[in-house]
Amino acid sequence: MSGAQAKAAVIAGCVGVIAEVRWLQEERLLLEFERTGELLVDLGSDQTSLHNPYNGGYYPVPLSLRQANQLMSTDPGCFRSIVQERLDSS
């Protein structure tokens, strides 16, 4: 999503934890904050590309990244159904 949320966190002078399905920067630091009770969340945002949810813009929770990618290529109709079910339940 071009890093807009991360840039906004820096500009606002707050701690930004930007997590995507493919990577999480500073996971160690995040886990340490959680362990010591210092993790306070004031605002949450996702970076889902809902303009293209059925072709990799959204990865539904029950599937791993590998499973989702495989299902998108082998059975896109099934993948679409799983995505739609998760979106409808949110």
Protein backbone atom coordinates (compact mmCIF):
# COMPACT_ATOMS: atom_id res chain seq x y z
CA MET A 1 0.00 0.00 0.00
CA SER A 2 2.98 2.30 -0.64
CA GLY A 3 3.89 2.73 3.02
CA ALA A 4 1.41 5.54 3.71
CA GLN A 5 0.52 4.25 7.18
CA ALA A 6 4.15 3.91 8.20
CA LYS A 7 4.95 7.41 6.96
CA ALA A 8 1.93 8.80 8.81
CA ALA A 9 3.13 7.18 12.06
CA VAL A 10 6.55 8.79 11.71
CA ILE A 11 5.04 12.20 10.94
CA ALA A 12 2.67 11.91 13.92
CA GLY A 13 5.54 10.90 16.21
CA CYS A 14 4.02 7.59 17.25
CA VAL A 15 5.06 3.98 17.09
CA GLY A 16 3.70 2.27 14.00
CA VAL A 17 3.50 -1.50 13.73
CA ILE A 18 2.94 -2.23 10.08
CA ALA A 19 2.15 -5.89 9.43
CA GLU A 20 1.40 -7.48 6.09
CA VAL A 21 0.81 -11.08 5.19
CA ARG A 22 4.27 -11.26 3.61
CA TRP A 23 6.39 -9.56 6.26
CA LEU A 24 6.54 -8.06 9.72
CA GLN A 25 9.37 -5.72 10.56
CA GLU A 26 10.67 -5.62 14.15
CA GLU A 27 8.66 -8.61 15.34
CA ARG A 28 11.12 -9.07 18.20
CA LEU A 29 10.47 -5.55 19.47
CA LEU A 30 6.72 -6.00 19.19
CA LEU A 31 6.85 -9.23 21.22
CA GLU A 32 9.01 -7.54 23.89
CA PHE A 33 6.55 -4.64 24.21
CA GLU A 34 3.69 -7.12 24.56
CA ARG A 35 5.57 -9.15 27.19
CA THR A 36 6.30 -6.10 29.34
CA GLY A 37 2.79 -4.69 29.04
CA GLU A 38 3.97 -1.64 27.07
CA LEU A 39 1.97 -2.32 23.94
CA LEU A 40 -0.79 0.27 23.83
CA VAL A 41 -2.78 0.49 20.64
CA ASP A 42 -4.61 3.74 19.93
CA LEU A 43 -5.42 3.14 16.30
CA GLY A 44 -5.57 0.13 14.04
CA SER A 45 -5.64 -0.07 10.27
CA ASP A 46 -5.31 -2.84 7.75
CA GLN A 47 -3.57 -2.68 4.42
CA THR A 48 -5.89 -4.98 2.54
CA SER A 49 -6.05 -4.24 -1.17
CA LEU A 50 -9.80 -4.63 -1.44
CA HIS A 51 -9.82 -3.23 -4.94
CA ASN A 52 -8.57 -6.70 -5.95
CA PRO A 53 -9.52 -9.14 -3.17
CA TYR A 54 -9.74 -12.30 -5.28
CA ASN A 55 -6.29 -12.12 -6.89
CA GLY A 56 -3.97 -11.64 -3.92
CA GLY A 57 -5.33 -8.40 -2.52
CA TYR A 58 -6.82 -10.24 0.44
CA TYR A 59 -5.60 -13.38 2.18
CA PRO A 60 -8.34 -14.96 4.32
CA VAL A 61 -7.42 -16.06 7.83
CA PRO A 62 -7.94 -19.83 7.51
CA LEU A 63 -5.36 -20.07 4.70
CA SER A 64 -1.60 -19.69 4.86
CA LEU A 65 0.07 -17.53 2.22
CA ARG A 66 1.23 -20.68 0.40
CA GLN A 67 -2.22 -22.31 0.56
CA ALA A 68 -3.94 -19.14 -0.67
CA ASN A 69 -1.56 -18.71 -3.59
CA GLN A 70 -1.97 -22.36 -4.57
CA LEU A 71 -5.77 -22.18 -4.35
CA MET A 72 -5.84 -18.96 -6.40
CA SER A 73 -4.11 -20.77 -9.25
CA THR A 74 -5.70 -24.24 -8.98
CA ASP A 75 -9.26 -23.40 -7.90
CA PRO A 76 -9.95 -19.66 -8.13
CA GLY A 77 -13.70 -20.20 -7.62
CA CYS A 78 -13.09 -21.88 -4.27
CA PHE A 79 -10.65 -19.16 -3.25
CA ARG A 80 -13.19 -16.51 -4.23
CA SER A 81 -15.85 -18.22 -2.09
CA ILE A 82 -13.57 -18.37 0.96
CA VAL A 83 -12.62 -14.71 0.55
CA GLN A 84 -16.24 -13.64 0.15
CA GLU A 85 -17.30 -15.64 3.20
CA ARG A 86 -14.62 -13.96 5.35
CA LEU A 87 -15.46 -10.50 4.01
CA ASP A 88 -19.18 -11.03 4.64
CA SER A 89 -18.48 -12.08 8.24
CA SER A 90 -16.37 -9.00 9.05
